[in-house]
Amino acid sequence: MDNWLVFVGLGFLALILIFPFLSIGTRPRCPECGSRKIGVQKTATGFRSSDSGEGGDARVQMQYNVKYRCNDCQVQWTATATEMQ
């Protein structure tokens, strides 16, 4: 009975130690204050299509200009992103 409690206690302790390092959510963090309260504005800047020929599915790669703004400290930054459709 005591061994079972030790294993449960060690598992719980490991979970507590690992939890802060897990990536939770997909929202970026502010580079200045670390907040996750971020506003996102995504603008399409272009696209590229690829056709496999032979009746296959055509794929479109969209290119975006993404503007981020921290709602806590008002810092703004931009990034580029691509997305397959």
Protein backbone atom coordinates (compact mmCIF):
# COMPACT_ATOMS: atom_id res chain seq x y z
CA MET A 1 0.00 0.00 0.00
CA ASP A 2 2.84 2.41 0.83
CA ASN A 3 4.58 1.82 -2.53
CA TRP A 4 1.41 2.78 -4.37
CA LEU A 5 1.22 6.10 -2.52
CA VAL A 6 4.89 6.80 -3.26
CA PHE A 7 4.34 6.25 -7.00
CA VAL A 8 1.25 8.46 -7.02
CA GLY A 9 3.12 11.16 -5.09
CA LEU A 10 6.11 11.04 -7.45
CA GLY A 11 3.82 11.17 -10.50
CA PHE A 12 1.99 14.18 -9.09
CA LEU A 13 5.29 15.92 -8.27
CA ALA A 14 6.59 15.26 -11.80
CA LEU A 15 3.38 16.70 -13.27
CA ILE A 16 3.75 19.85 -11.17
CA LEU A 17 7.38 20.29 -12.25
CA ILE A 18 6.73 19.67 -15.98
CA PHE A 19 3.46 21.64 -16.33
CA PRO A 20 5.03 25.15 -16.62
CA PHE A 21 7.14 23.99 -19.60
CA LEU A 22 4.24 22.62 -21.65
CA SER A 23 3.14 24.80 -24.55
CA ILE A 24 -0.47 25.63 -23.82
CA GLY A 25 -2.49 27.43 -26.43
CA THR A 26 -1.36 28.83 -29.75
CA ARG A 27 -1.35 32.51 -28.82
CA PRO A 28 2.09 34.10 -28.92
CA ARG A 29 3.59 35.87 -25.94
CA CYS A 30 4.51 39.55 -25.90
CA PRO A 31 8.29 39.96 -26.25
CA GLU A 32 8.26 42.84 -23.74
CA CYS A 33 5.96 41.80 -20.87
CA GLY A 34 5.24 38.09 -21.60
CA SER A 35 1.45 38.54 -21.69
CA ARG A 36 -0.74 36.26 -23.83
CA LYS A 37 -3.36 38.99 -24.30
CA ILE A 38 -2.42 39.61 -27.92
CA GLY A 39 -4.47 41.10 -30.74
CA VAL A 40 -3.79 39.60 -34.17
CA GLN A 41 -4.43 41.15 -37.59
CA LYS A 42 -3.66 38.89 -40.54
CA THR A 43 -3.45 40.35 -44.08
CA ALA A 44 -2.97 38.19 -47.18
CA THR A 45 0.03 39.37 -49.20
CA GLY A 46 0.12 36.75 -51.93
CA PHE A 47 -0.36 33.14 -52.91
CA ARG A 48 1.34 30.38 -54.82
CA SER A 49 -0.49 27.41 -56.33
CA SER A 50 0.88 24.01 -57.18
CA ASP A 51 -0.91 21.53 -59.41
CA SER A 52 0.21 17.93 -59.32
CA GLY A 53 -1.13 17.37 -62.85
CA GLU A 54 -2.71 13.96 -63.53
CA GLY A 55 -6.00 14.99 -61.87
CA GLY A 56 -4.55 15.44 -58.39
CA ASP A 57 -5.60 18.06 -55.91
CA ALA A 58 -4.32 21.58 -56.45
CA ARG A 59 -2.68 23.09 -53.37
CA VAL A 60 -2.52 26.80 -52.60
CA GLN A 61 0.10 28.31 -50.32
CA MET A 62 -1.12 31.60 -48.86
CA GLN A 63 1.35 34.19 -47.59
CA TYR A 64 0.30 36.51 -44.78
CA ASN A 65 1.63 39.59 -43.07
CA VAL A 66 0.67 39.22 -39.39
CA LYS A 67 0.55 42.23 -37.06
CA TYR A 68 0.53 41.56 -33.32
CA ARG A 69 -0.35 44.04 -30.59
CA CYS A 70 -0.07 43.43 -26.85
CA ASN A 71 -3.23 44.51 -25.03
CA ASP A 72 -1.31 45.03 -21.77
CA CYS A 73 1.77 47.08 -22.72
CA GLN A 74 0.69 48.21 -26.25
CA VAL A 75 3.86 46.90 -27.99
CA GLN A 76 3.40 46.11 -31.70
CA TRP A 77 5.42 43.74 -33.91
CA THR A 78 5.01 42.01 -37.28
CA ALA A 79 5.81 38.61 -38.72
CA THR A 80 5.20 36.73 -41.96
CA ALA A 81 3.40 33.39 -42.11
CA THR A 82 2.50 30.83 -44.75
CA GLU A 83 -0.47 28.48 -44.77
CA MET A 84 -1.34 25.58 -47.06
CA GLN A 85 -4.94 25.24 -48.24
